Protein backbone atom coordinates (compact mmCIF):
# COMPACT_ATOMS: atom_id res chain seq x y z
CA UNK A 1 -26.68 30.13 -195.35
CA UNK A 2 -29.84 31.63 -193.85
CA UNK A 3 -31.83 29.34 -191.55
CA UNK A 4 -35.09 27.80 -192.72
CA UNK A 5 -38.17 28.85 -190.78
CA UNK A 6 -40.15 25.63 -190.30
CA UNK A 7 -43.75 25.47 -189.10
CA UNK A 8 -45.14 22.49 -187.21
CA UNK A 9 -48.86 22.51 -188.04
CA UNK A 10 -50.97 20.71 -185.43
CA UNK A 11 -54.45 20.25 -186.93
CA UNK A 12 -57.65 18.39 -186.05
CA UNK A 13 -58.93 16.49 -189.11
CA UNK A 14 -62.25 14.67 -189.46
CA UNK A 15 -62.11 11.21 -191.00
CA UNK A 16 -63.49 11.38 -194.52
CA UNK A 17 -63.86 15.18 -194.64
CA UNK A 18 -61.11 15.56 -197.24
CA UNK A 19 -62.03 19.04 -198.53
CA UNK A 20 -62.56 20.40 -195.02
CA UNK A 21 -59.25 18.94 -193.83
CA UNK A 22 -57.31 20.44 -196.73
CA UNK A 23 -58.98 23.82 -196.19
CA UNK A 24 -57.55 23.71 -192.66
CA UNK A 25 -54.15 22.78 -194.09
CA UNK A 26 -54.32 25.64 -196.60
CA UNK A 27 -55.15 28.16 -193.87
CA UNK A 28 -52.23 26.84 -191.81
CA UNK A 29 -49.82 27.22 -194.75
CA UNK A 30 -51.04 30.77 -195.37
CA UNK A 31 -50.61 31.64 -191.69
CA UNK A 32 -47.16 30.08 -191.60
CA UNK A 33 -46.08 31.92 -194.75
CA UNK A 34 -47.23 35.22 -193.24
CA UNK A 35 -44.94 34.48 -190.29
CA UNK A 36 -41.97 33.91 -192.62
CA UNK A 37 -42.00 30.11 -192.80
CA UNK A 38 -40.67 28.40 -195.92
CA UNK A 39 -41.59 24.83 -194.84
CA UNK A 40 -44.76 23.47 -193.21
CA UNK A 41 -45.06 19.94 -191.81
CA UNK A 42 -48.41 18.31 -190.99
CA UNK A 43 -49.38 15.10 -189.20
CA UNK A 44 -49.97 11.54 -190.38
CA UNK A 45 -53.00 11.04 -192.67
CA UNK A 46 -54.01 14.67 -192.18
CA UNK A 47 -55.76 14.72 -195.56
CA UNK A 48 -58.28 12.00 -194.64
CA UNK A 49 -58.13 11.91 -190.87
CA UNK A 50 -56.89 8.88 -188.95
CA UNK A 51 -57.43 5.99 -188.49
CA UNK A 52 -59.40 5.32 -191.67
CA UNK A 53 -59.77 1.58 -190.96
CA UNK A 54 -61.50 -0.24 -193.85
CA UNK A 55 -61.95 2.97 -195.83
CA UNK A 56 -58.39 2.22 -196.94
CA UNK A 57 -59.76 -0.70 -198.94
CA UNK A 58 -62.29 1.48 -200.77
CA UNK A 59 -60.62 2.42 -204.04
CA UNK A 60 -62.76 5.52 -204.61
CA UNK A 61 -61.79 6.86 -201.18
CA UNK A 62 -58.04 6.47 -201.72
CA UNK A 63 -58.26 7.92 -205.22
CA UNK A 64 -60.21 10.90 -203.89
CA UNK A 65 -57.44 11.53 -201.35
CA UNK A 66 -54.71 11.35 -203.98
CA UNK A 67 -56.61 13.67 -206.32
CA UNK A 68 -57.13 16.11 -203.45
CA UNK A 69 -53.39 16.19 -202.72
CA UNK A 70 -52.64 17.05 -206.36
CA UNK A 71 -55.34 19.74 -206.36
CA UNK A 72 -53.93 21.11 -203.10
CA UNK A 73 -50.51 21.51 -204.71
CA UNK A 74 -52.09 23.47 -207.56
CA UNK A 75 -54.08 25.59 -205.12
CA UNK A 76 -50.93 26.56 -203.24
CA UNK A 77 -49.19 27.57 -206.45
CA UNK A 78 -52.17 29.61 -207.68
CA UNK A 79 -52.32 31.38 -204.30
CA UNK A 80 -48.66 32.48 -204.51
CA UNK A 81 -47.68 29.86 -201.92
CA UNK A 82 -45.88 27.57 -204.33
CA UNK A 83 -42.47 28.40 -202.87
CA UNK A 84 -43.51 26.93 -199.52
CA UNK A 85 -42.39 23.32 -199.06
CA UNK A 86 -45.31 21.36 -197.57
CA UNK A 87 -45.16 17.82 -196.16
CA UNK A 88 -48.45 16.09 -195.37
CA UNK A 89 -49.81 12.58 -194.82
CA UNK A 90 -52.49 10.70 -196.78
CA UNK A 91 -53.31 7.23 -198.14
CA UNK A 92 -52.02 6.32 -201.58
CA UNK A 93 -53.03 3.61 -204.01
CA UNK A 94 -50.54 0.76 -204.43
CA UNK A 95 -52.76 -1.54 -206.47
CA UNK A 96 -56.02 -3.43 -206.26
CA UNK A 97 -57.21 -6.95 -205.49
CA UNK A 98 -60.72 -8.26 -206.22
CA UNK A 99 -61.81 -4.67 -206.73
CA UNK A 100 -60.49 -3.58 -203.32
CA UNK A 101 -57.80 -0.97 -202.95
CA UNK A 102 -54.33 -1.92 -201.82
CA UNK A 103 -53.14 1.21 -200.08
CA UNK A 104 -50.07 2.64 -198.40
CA UNK A 105 -49.90 5.06 -195.49
CA UNK A 106 -47.97 7.80 -197.26
CA UNK A 107 -46.54 11.31 -197.08
CA UNK A 108 -46.10 13.71 -199.98
CA UNK A 109 -43.64 16.57 -200.35
CA UNK A 110 -45.21 19.47 -202.26
CA UNK A 111 -43.23 22.29 -203.84
CA UNK A 112 -43.73 24.54 -206.84
CA UNK A 113 -47.30 23.40 -207.48
CA UNK A 114 -46.59 19.68 -207.66
CA UNK A 115 -45.78 16.60 -205.59
CA UNK A 116 -42.01 16.26 -205.86
CA UNK A 117 -41.59 13.17 -203.69
CA UNK A 118 -43.61 10.56 -201.83
CA UNK A 119 -42.77 8.23 -198.96
CA UNK A 120 -44.77 5.23 -197.71
CA UNK A 121 -44.70 4.06 -194.09
CA UNK A 122 -42.40 1.07 -193.66
CA UNK A 123 -43.34 -0.27 -190.22
CA UNK A 124 -47.06 -0.92 -189.83
CA UNK A 125 -48.16 -1.22 -186.18
CA UNK A 126 -50.11 -4.34 -185.31
CA UNK A 127 -50.68 -4.02 -181.56
CA UNK A 128 -52.79 -2.13 -179.05
CA UNK A 129 -55.25 0.09 -180.96
CA UNK A 130 -53.53 -0.43 -184.31
CA UNK A 131 -54.15 -3.06 -186.97
CA UNK A 132 -52.59 -1.38 -189.99
CA UNK A 133 -51.49 -4.68 -191.52
CA UNK A 134 -55.20 -5.27 -192.13
CA UNK A 135 -55.61 -2.22 -194.38
CA UNK A 136 -52.18 -1.09 -195.60
CA UNK A 137 -49.14 -2.58 -197.28
CA UNK A 138 -45.71 -1.39 -196.15
CA UNK A 139 -43.45 0.83 -198.21
CA UNK A 140 -39.75 0.09 -198.40
CA UNK A 141 -38.11 3.11 -199.97
CA UNK A 142 -36.52 5.82 -197.89
CA UNK A 143 -37.19 9.46 -198.72
CA UNK A 144 -34.48 12.09 -198.45
CA UNK A 145 -34.60 15.39 -200.27
CA UNK A 146 -32.73 18.69 -200.32
CA UNK A 147 -34.44 22.00 -199.64
CA UNK A 148 -32.76 25.37 -199.20
CA UNK A 149 -29.35 23.74 -198.67
CA UNK A 150 -30.49 21.30 -195.96
CA UNK A 151 -30.93 17.53 -196.23
CA UNK A 152 -34.33 16.32 -194.97
CA UNK A 153 -35.73 12.81 -194.54
CA UNK A 154 -39.38 11.83 -194.03
CA UNK A 155 -40.62 9.13 -191.64
CA UNK A 156 -44.12 8.22 -190.45
CA UNK A 157 -44.96 7.45 -186.81
CA UNK A 158 -44.23 3.75 -186.20
CA UNK A 159 -41.05 3.99 -188.28
CA UNK A 160 -39.26 5.61 -185.33
CA UNK A 161 -40.60 3.12 -182.76
CA UNK A 162 -38.92 0.17 -184.49
CA UNK A 163 -35.27 -0.59 -185.19
CA UNK A 164 -34.14 -1.05 -188.76
CA UNK A 165 -35.85 0.16 -191.90
CA UNK A 166 -35.76 3.89 -192.72
CA UNK A 167 -34.41 4.91 -189.30
CA UNK A 168 -31.22 2.93 -189.85
CA UNK A 169 -30.58 4.82 -193.09
CA UNK A 170 -30.84 8.37 -191.79
CA UNK A 171 -27.12 8.81 -191.15
CA UNK A 172 -25.99 7.22 -194.41
CA UNK A 173 -28.47 9.40 -196.32
CA UNK A 174 -26.81 12.47 -194.80
CA UNK A 175 -29.98 13.51 -193.01
CA UNK A 176 -29.70 16.80 -191.16
CA UNK A 177 -33.38 17.06 -190.20
CA UNK A 178 -35.81 14.14 -189.88
CA UNK A 179 -39.47 15.05 -190.39
CA UNK A 180 -41.74 12.59 -188.54
CA UNK A 181 -45.49 12.66 -189.30
CA UNK A 182 -47.58 11.17 -186.50
CA UNK A 183 -51.06 9.99 -185.59
CA UNK A 184 -50.14 9.00 -182.03
CA UNK A 185 -53.07 8.62 -179.60
CA UNK A 186 -52.92 9.91 -176.05
CA UNK A 187 -52.15 7.65 -173.09
CA UNK A 188 -51.25 8.68 -169.57
CA UNK A 189 -47.44 8.73 -169.29
CA UNK A 190 -46.86 8.51 -173.03
CA UNK A 191 -45.63 12.10 -173.40
CA UNK A 192 -42.31 11.52 -171.68
CA UNK A 193 -41.89 8.22 -173.53
CA UNK A 194 -42.23 10.11 -176.81
CA UNK A 195 -39.79 12.81 -175.76
CA UNK A 196 -37.21 10.20 -174.80
CA UNK A 197 -37.73 8.30 -178.05
CA UNK A 198 -37.29 11.38 -180.23
CA UNK A 199 -34.32 12.61 -178.20
CA UNK A 200 -32.55 9.26 -178.49
CA UNK A 201 -33.25 9.12 -182.23
CA UNK A 202 -31.77 12.59 -182.74
CA UNK A 203 -28.58 11.93 -180.81
CA UNK A 204 -28.09 8.44 -182.28
CA UNK A 205 -28.51 9.63 -185.89
CA UNK A 206 -26.88 13.05 -185.38
CA UNK A 207 -29.83 14.92 -186.86
CA UNK A 208 -32.54 17.24 -185.65
CA UNK A 209 -36.04 15.73 -185.41
CA UNK A 210 -39.34 17.49 -186.09
CA UNK A 211 -42.19 15.39 -184.63
CA UNK A 212 -45.66 16.58 -185.70
CA UNK A 213 -48.75 14.91 -184.24
CA UNK A 214 -52.46 15.18 -184.96
CA UNK A 215 -54.83 16.63 -182.38
CA UNK A 216 -58.48 15.85 -181.63
CA UNK A 217 -60.91 13.03 -180.95
CA UNK A 218 -61.78 10.25 -183.39
CA UNK A 219 -64.35 7.84 -181.97
CA UNK A 220 -62.61 6.32 -178.92
CA UNK A 221 -59.13 7.68 -179.70
CA UNK A 222 -57.84 11.10 -178.69
CA UNK A 223 -54.79 12.60 -180.40
CA UNK A 224 -53.05 15.00 -178.07
CA UNK A 225 -50.79 16.92 -180.44
CA UNK A 226 -47.85 17.89 -178.20
CA UNK A 227 -45.71 18.14 -181.36
CA UNK A 228 -42.04 18.73 -180.62
CA UNK A 229 -38.69 19.67 -182.09
CA UNK A 230 -35.37 18.24 -180.84
CA UNK A 231 -31.89 19.23 -182.00
CA UNK A 232 -29.10 16.84 -182.96
CA UNK A 233 -27.84 16.65 -179.36
CA UNK A 234 -31.24 15.38 -178.24
CA UNK A 235 -32.20 18.63 -176.50
CA UNK A 236 -35.87 19.66 -176.60
CA UNK A 237 -36.17 22.97 -178.45
CA UNK A 238 -39.94 23.42 -178.85
CA UNK A 239 -43.11 21.64 -177.75
CA UNK A 240 -46.62 22.61 -178.78
CA UNK A 241 -49.55 22.57 -176.32
CA UNK A 242 -51.49 19.35 -175.86
CA UNK A 243 -55.06 19.15 -177.21
CA UNK A 244 -54.89 22.44 -179.12
CA UNK A 245 -54.74 23.12 -182.84
CA UNK A 246 -52.04 25.59 -183.79
CA UNK A 247 -48.64 26.25 -185.30
CA UNK A 248 -45.20 26.27 -183.72
CA UNK A 249 -42.06 27.60 -185.38
CA UNK A 250 -38.42 26.58 -185.28
CA UNK A 251 -35.48 27.89 -187.28
CA UNK A 252 -33.45 25.15 -188.93
CA UNK A 253 -29.83 25.38 -189.99
CA UNK A 254 -27.79 22.28 -190.76
CA UNK A 255 -28.23 20.20 -187.61
CA UNK A 256 -29.21 22.97 -185.19
CA UNK A 257 -32.66 24.23 -184.24
CA UNK A 258 -33.67 27.49 -182.63
CA UNK A 259 -37.02 28.70 -181.30
CA UNK A 260 -37.85 32.11 -179.91
CA UNK A 261 -41.09 30.84 -178.36
CA UNK A 262 -41.21 30.75 -174.59
CA UNK A 263 -40.83 27.29 -173.08
CA UNK A 264 -44.05 25.83 -171.71
CA UNK A 265 -44.60 24.32 -168.31
CA UNK A 266 -45.31 20.59 -168.46
CA UNK A 267 -48.92 19.70 -167.72
CA UNK A 268 -49.65 17.27 -164.89
CA UNK A 269 -51.10 13.83 -165.58
CA UNK A 270 -54.44 14.90 -164.12
CA UNK A 271 -54.58 17.99 -166.33
CA UNK A 272 -53.73 15.89 -169.40
CA UNK A 273 -56.28 13.21 -168.51
CA UNK A 274 -59.02 15.83 -168.09
CA UNK A 275 -57.99 17.46 -171.36
CA UNK A 276 -58.21 14.13 -173.20
CA UNK A 277 -61.68 13.40 -171.79
CA UNK A 278 -62.93 16.86 -172.72
CA UNK A 279 -61.54 16.78 -176.27
CA UNK A 280 -62.73 13.21 -176.84
CA UNK A 281 -66.31 14.10 -175.88
CA UNK A 282 -66.29 17.47 -177.66
CA UNK A 283 -65.13 16.06 -180.97
CA UNK A 284 -67.45 13.04 -180.84
CA UNK A 285 -70.42 15.36 -180.27
CA UNK A 286 -69.47 18.05 -182.77
CA UNK A 287 -67.99 15.89 -185.53
CA UNK A 288 -71.13 13.73 -185.51
CA UNK A 289 -73.51 16.69 -185.44
CA UNK A 290 -75.21 16.21 -182.08
CA UNK A 291 -76.76 19.46 -180.79
CA UNK A 292 -76.54 18.50 -177.11
CA UNK A 293 -76.05 15.72 -174.57
CA UNK A 294 -78.26 14.28 -171.83
CA UNK A 295 -77.33 12.21 -168.79
CA UNK A 296 -78.81 10.92 -165.58
CA UNK A 297 -77.69 12.93 -162.56
CA UNK A 298 -77.72 10.72 -159.47
CA UNK A 299 -75.84 13.05 -157.13
CA UNK A 300 -72.91 10.62 -157.18
CA UNK A 301 -69.33 11.21 -158.20
CA UNK A 302 -69.46 9.57 -161.64
CA UNK A 303 -72.39 11.51 -163.05
CA UNK A 304 -71.11 14.75 -161.50
CA UNK A 305 -67.72 14.32 -163.16
CA UNK A 306 -69.32 13.43 -166.50
CA UNK A 307 -71.50 16.53 -166.34
CA UNK A 308 -68.46 18.72 -165.62
CA UNK A 309 -66.54 17.15 -168.52
CA UNK A 310 -69.50 17.74 -170.83
CA UNK A 311 -69.84 21.38 -169.79
CA UNK A 312 -66.12 21.97 -170.35
CA UNK A 313 -66.39 20.23 -173.73
CA UNK A 314 -69.44 21.80 -175.35
CA UNK A 315 -70.71 24.45 -172.94
CA UNK A 316 -73.19 24.09 -170.08
CA UNK A 317 -76.14 25.26 -172.18
CA UNK A 318 -75.83 22.11 -174.34
CA UNK A 319 -75.84 19.76 -171.34
CA UNK A 320 -79.14 18.36 -170.03
CA UNK A 321 -79.34 16.48 -166.75
CA UNK A 322 -82.19 14.36 -165.46
CA UNK A 323 -82.75 13.45 -161.82
CA UNK A 324 -84.40 10.01 -161.81
CA UNK A 325 -85.34 9.26 -158.20
CA UNK A 326 -86.83 5.95 -157.14
CA UNK A 327 -88.58 5.12 -153.88
CA UNK A 328 -85.14 4.24 -152.48
CA UNK A 329 -83.40 7.47 -153.51
CA UNK A 330 -82.06 9.52 -150.63
CA UNK A 331 -82.76 13.22 -150.20
CA UNK A 332 -79.07 13.98 -150.72
CA UNK A 333 -78.96 12.18 -154.07
CA UNK A 334 -81.55 14.60 -155.40
CA UNK A 335 -80.14 17.69 -153.73
CA UNK A 336 -76.60 16.84 -154.83
CA UNK A 337 -77.79 16.38 -158.41
CA UNK A 338 -79.37 19.83 -158.43
CA UNK A 339 -76.33 21.30 -156.70
CA UNK A 340 -74.15 19.86 -159.48
CA UNK A 341 -76.39 21.35 -162.18
CA UNK A 342 -76.49 24.76 -160.49
CA UNK A 343 -72.70 24.88 -160.11
CA UNK A 344 -72.22 24.06 -163.78
CA UNK A 345 -75.12 26.11 -165.13
CA UNK A 346 -76.60 23.19 -167.07
CA UNK A 347 -80.24 22.23 -167.56
CA UNK A 348 -81.90 19.80 -165.15
CA UNK A 349 -85.33 18.25 -164.70
CA UNK A 350 -86.82 15.54 -162.49
CA UNK A 351 -88.46 12.42 -163.88
CA UNK A 352 -89.46 10.14 -160.98
CA UNK A 353 -89.41 6.43 -161.84
CA UNK A 354 -91.37 4.88 -158.95
CA UNK A 355 -94.76 4.66 -160.72
CA UNK A 356 -93.32 3.19 -163.93
CA UNK A 357 -91.26 0.67 -161.92
CA UNK A 358 -94.27 -0.37 -159.85
CA UNK A 359 -96.37 -1.19 -162.91
CA UNK A 360 -93.68 -3.29 -164.59
CA UNK A 361 -92.59 -4.93 -161.34
CA UNK A 362 -96.15 -6.00 -160.53
CA UNK A 363 -97.00 -7.13 -164.05
CA UNK A 364 -93.82 -9.22 -164.40
CA UNK A 365 -93.67 -10.39 -160.79
CA UNK A 366 -90.07 -9.25 -160.38
CA UNK A 367 -88.19 -9.37 -157.08
CA UNK A 368 -84.59 -9.36 -155.81
CA UNK A 369 -81.90 -8.50 -158.34
CA UNK A 370 -84.38 -8.53 -161.23
CA UNK A 371 -86.42 -5.85 -159.47
CA UNK A 372 -83.29 -3.82 -158.69
CA UNK A 373 -82.18 -3.95 -162.32
CA UNK A 374 -85.64 -2.91 -163.46
CA UNK A 375 -85.09 0.46 -161.79
CA UNK A 376 -81.91 1.03 -163.80
CA UNK A 377 -83.65 -0.05 -167.01
CA UNK A 378 -86.55 2.34 -166.47
CA UNK A 379 -84.00 5.13 -166.05
CA UNK A 380 -82.41 4.07 -169.32
CA UNK A 381 -85.80 3.99 -171.01
CA UNK A 382 -86.53 7.56 -169.92
CA UNK A 383 -83.15 8.88 -171.06
CA UNK A 384 -83.45 7.19 -174.45
CA UNK A 385 -87.02 8.46 -174.84
CA UNK A 386 -85.89 12.03 -174.19
CA UNK A 387 -82.98 11.51 -176.55
CA UNK A 388 -85.32 10.40 -179.35
CA UNK A 389 -87.76 13.22 -178.67
CA UNK A 390 -85.28 16.08 -178.27
CA UNK A 391 -82.20 14.96 -180.22
CA UNK A 392 -79.67 14.70 -177.38
CA UNK A 393 -76.81 12.22 -177.30
CA UNK A 394 -77.16 10.09 -174.16
CA UNK A 395 -74.02 9.90 -172.03
CA UNK A 396 -73.54 6.79 -169.92
CA UNK A 397 -71.58 7.48 -166.77
CA UNK A 398 -69.95 4.16 -165.88
CA UNK A 399 -66.24 4.13 -165.00
CA UNK A 400 -63.56 1.59 -165.92
CA UNK A 401 -63.71 -0.19 -162.55
CA UNK A 402 -67.45 -0.82 -162.86
CA UNK A 403 -67.12 -1.97 -166.47
CA UNK A 404 -64.29 -4.30 -165.48
CA UNK A 405 -66.36 -6.25 -162.96
CA UNK A 406 -69.72 -5.90 -164.69
CA UNK A 407 -71.10 -3.60 -161.98
CA UNK A 408 -73.72 -2.06 -164.24
CA UNK A 409 -77.13 -2.96 -165.64
CA UNK A 410 -77.08 -3.59 -169.37
CA UNK A 411 -79.87 -1.61 -171.08
CA UNK A 412 -80.10 0.33 -167.83
CA UNK A 413 -77.39 2.59 -166.40
CA UNK A 414 -75.14 1.27 -169.21
CA UNK A 415 -77.43 2.76 -171.85
CA UNK A 416 -76.05 5.56 -174.02
CA UNK A 417 -74.08 6.49 -177.10
CA UNK A 418 -70.88 7.73 -175.46
CA UNK A 419 -69.15 6.93 -172.17
CA UNK A 420 -66.90 9.84 -171.08
CA UNK A 421 -65.17 8.00 -168.19
CA UNK A 422 -65.22 4.48 -169.63
CA UNK A 423 -61.41 4.25 -169.36
CA UNK A 424 -61.10 6.03 -165.99
CA UNK A 425 -60.66 3.79 -162.91
CA UNK A 426 -62.77 4.73 -159.88
CA UNK A 427 -59.86 6.06 -157.81
CA UNK A 428 -58.83 8.29 -160.72
CA UNK A 429 -62.40 9.59 -160.99
CA UNK A 430 -62.06 10.94 -157.44
CA UNK A 431 -58.63 12.42 -158.19
CA UNK A 432 -59.94 14.15 -161.30
CA UNK A 433 -62.91 15.57 -159.39
CA UNK A 434 -60.64 17.07 -156.74
CA UNK A 435 -58.26 18.41 -159.41
CA UNK A 436 -61.08 20.05 -161.38
CA UNK A 437 -62.49 21.69 -158.28
CA UNK A 438 -59.05 22.93 -157.22
CA UNK A 439 -58.48 24.35 -160.68
CA UNK A 440 -61.80 26.20 -160.54
CA UNK A 441 -60.96 27.63 -157.11
CA UNK A 442 -57.54 28.78 -158.32
CA UNK A 443 -59.26 30.63 -161.19
CA UNK A 444 -61.81 32.23 -158.87
CA UNK A 445 -64.63 30.10 -160.29
CA UNK A 446 -67.27 27.92 -158.64
CA UNK A 447 -66.01 24.34 -158.24
CA UNK A 448 -68.30 22.28 -160.53
CA UNK A 449 -68.48 19.10 -158.47
CA UNK A 450 -70.32 19.12 -155.10
CA UNK A 451 -68.12 18.18 -152.18
CA UNK A 452 -70.80 15.79 -150.95
CA UNK A 453 -70.63 13.88 -154.27
CA UNK A 454 -66.91 13.41 -153.67
CA UNK A 455 -67.02 12.47 -150.01
CA UNK A 456 -70.09 10.23 -149.64
CA UNK A 457 -69.90 6.43 -150.12
CA UNK A 458 -70.81 5.44 -153.69
CA UNK A 459 -74.21 3.76 -154.04
CA UNK A 460 -76.54 2.69 -156.83
CA UNK A 461 -79.46 3.13 -154.36
CA UNK A 462 -81.37 0.15 -155.73
CA UNK A 463 -82.37 -1.03 -152.24
CA UNK A 464 -82.46 0.57 -148.77
CA UNK A 465 -79.03 1.45 -147.38
CA UNK A 466 -77.11 -0.02 -150.33
CA UNK A 467 -73.48 1.02 -150.94
CA UNK A 468 -71.04 -0.29 -153.55
CA UNK A 469 -68.79 -1.88 -150.95
CA UNK A 470 -71.59 -4.28 -149.98
CA UNK A 471 -70.65 -6.38 -153.00
CA UNK A 472 -67.23 -5.09 -154.09
CA UNK A 473 -63.81 -4.84 -152.40
CA UNK A 474 -62.64 -1.40 -151.27
CA UNK A 475 -62.00 0.60 -154.44
CA UNK A 476 -58.31 1.22 -153.79
CA UNK A 477 -57.68 -2.51 -153.50
CA UNK A 478 -60.03 -3.35 -156.37
CA UNK A 479 -58.34 -0.92 -158.77
CA UNK A 480 -54.92 -2.29 -157.86
CA UNK A 481 -56.03 -5.86 -158.62
CA UNK A 482 -57.71 -4.81 -161.86
CA UNK A 483 -54.63 -2.98 -163.08
CA UNK A 484 -52.52 -6.09 -162.57
CA UNK A 485 -55.09 -8.44 -164.13
CA UNK A 486 -56.23 -6.28 -167.05
CA UNK A 487 -53.52 -3.76 -167.85
CA UNK A 488 -50.50 -5.90 -166.94
CA UNK A 489 -52.09 -9.23 -168.01
CA UNK A 490 -50.90 -10.97 -164.83
CA UNK A 491 -52.36 -14.28 -163.73
CA UNK A 492 -54.27 -14.84 -160.50
CA UNK A 493 -51.24 -16.62 -159.02
CA UNK A 494 -48.92 -13.73 -159.88
CA UNK A 495 -51.28 -11.21 -158.28
CA UNK A 496 -51.66 -13.30 -155.12
CA UNK A 497 -47.86 -13.49 -154.85
CA UNK A 498 -47.88 -9.68 -154.43
CA UNK A 499 -49.81 -9.97 -151.18
CA UNK A 500 -53.46 -9.81 -152.23
CA UNK A 501 -56.02 -12.17 -150.70
CA UNK A 502 -56.36 -15.27 -152.87
CA UNK A 503 -60.15 -15.58 -152.65
CA UNK A 504 -60.58 -11.89 -153.41
CA UNK A 505 -58.34 -12.06 -156.48
CA UNK A 506 -60.13 -15.16 -157.79
CA UNK A 507 -63.49 -13.50 -157.32
CA UNK A 508 -62.42 -10.28 -159.06
CA UNK A 509 -60.88 -12.20 -161.97
CA UNK A 510 -64.09 -14.21 -162.30
CA UNK A 511 -66.19 -11.05 -162.38
CA UNK A 512 -63.97 -9.57 -165.10
CA UNK A 513 -64.12 -12.72 -167.23
CA UNK A 514 -67.88 -13.07 -166.96
CA UNK A 515 -68.58 -9.43 -167.86
CA UNK A 516 -67.05 -9.55 -171.36
CA UNK A 517 -70.48 -9.84 -172.99
CA UNK A 518 -71.63 -6.65 -171.29
CA UNK A 519 -68.56 -4.70 -172.33
CA UNK A 520 -68.92 -5.82 -175.94
CA UNK A 521 -72.34 -4.14 -176.10
CA UNK A 522 -71.31 -0.96 -174.30
CA UNK A 523 -70.84 2.56 -175.63
CA UNK A 524 -67.46 3.78 -176.79
CA UNK A 525 -65.49 6.30 -174.73
CA UNK A 526 -62.13 8.09 -174.86
CA UNK A 527 -59.05 5.95 -174.31
CA UNK A 528 -56.63 7.42 -171.77
CA UNK A 529 -54.87 4.35 -170.31
CA UNK A 530 -52.57 1.80 -171.90
CA UNK A 531 -55.23 -0.94 -171.84
CA UNK A 532 -58.68 0.33 -172.76
CA UNK A 533 -61.63 -1.98 -173.30
CA UNK A 534 -62.51 -2.29 -176.96
CA UNK A 535 -59.55 -1.46 -179.18
CA UNK A 536 -56.83 -2.54 -176.74
CA UNK A 537 -58.36 -5.54 -174.98
CA UNK A 538 -60.35 -7.89 -177.21
CA UNK A 539 -61.29 -11.26 -175.73
CA UNK A 540 -63.84 -13.85 -176.89
CA UNK A 541 -67.20 -13.69 -175.15
CA UNK A 542 -67.59 -17.47 -175.20
CA UNK A 543 -64.44 -18.38 -173.30
CA UNK A 544 -64.07 -21.35 -170.93
CA UNK A 545 -60.47 -20.62 -169.94
CA UNK A 546 -60.16 -19.66 -166.29
CA UNK A 547 -57.09 -18.86 -164.24
């Protein structure tokens, strides 16, 4: 029996752009067929994009998706591609209640111009960024089918992360190849976890596993692709690049897989993190139709890194920087800002804030912290004014450490529509800056981030001689405490037991708790850690519980 050439199609859908998404699928099938493939597997909910959230409860939306799948099957047949077996994900109507749709997260198998089988996701994730029990109902049937002499089974994402259900039936169904459709968002360290999961599934069920993931940004989620194929011994046969659309091929015969593609080197965590930030920003800008972005350039590390991410994402000519000096701004803050812009090749202008601040400060009689915050708010006013006038998306440059402890001025430096490093702790910001510069040097390019922005003490420059460490612990210690308190959900007592100063831990925890109202009003940004503010960590603003 001749092996089956199978194509893993890693595509970047836009939520709601059903026709556009299926055009991309059609082009992928045509490309795969030209390369000799007889089966093409796409990711979870590729027809509609993912996650669709409450769109799943809109009956017209789900019906449109189902109709598009049927039309796609006809289109394949009419284009002489009907002999290609295609597996793709989409929502399906399971009923209605009070006029709302009751939908399933489904996958259809298309062959010969029609849908020959359909499977609905059994395990619905209800943790972290997922709340699928809110919008979907679970399916319970398993789906196994024969194609070209091989027994295939279809699973969807969470089905392989949970024991029982369809996974437990693979062996009894005689499955030789399990096809797993995924919409699995990126997190640092998750890649190896996925590989281990798929490898263990393959060896436990004695079947090859084809794991196909979406790629691209969707609001604050980034899908990294990194689709993979594992044979029945659990050995990795093929892995597609992270953060890139494309097709990878494997040859399938009974329970063995073969790929002639050259093995890829594994990307480092820093490379993957940078890739996620770039793709998240690029897709938010382009999928929402923004022509350009604008951000304040202070000469500090955060704004310099955000500018470099933006240039990598959409090109330097679409990035506009503004130097916003106050009467307290140092000469190096301005020179470093212009150095950053020159290295990147982006636009930059100066809009001094001192005169505007003086008028408002005098009229309102502001002093102390109120006067300091006024400076940040005038900067925000200028950036939003330029955004309205010229059509740019404002980027806010706060990092995860600052957001954690409320070290930002709401309606000031926190202003903006997208926050590229919102989920990046301060210490990681420095690591990413050094990595990006080293990468540029290795490629013979100009490092985009000024060395002075990396090496100088961070400062908001809201008063003479101010530095961040005047009011915050050293960043290495602060990030360690925050990771334990936020990411690991440890109590103050548990953190103190690990050797941290008790008063410091209590103070940091108090800052985190009191800043929830600020975070709730902040811009979204790409999730790269296991506990991002917003989708992952949702606490009440009015909350009297203290540890």
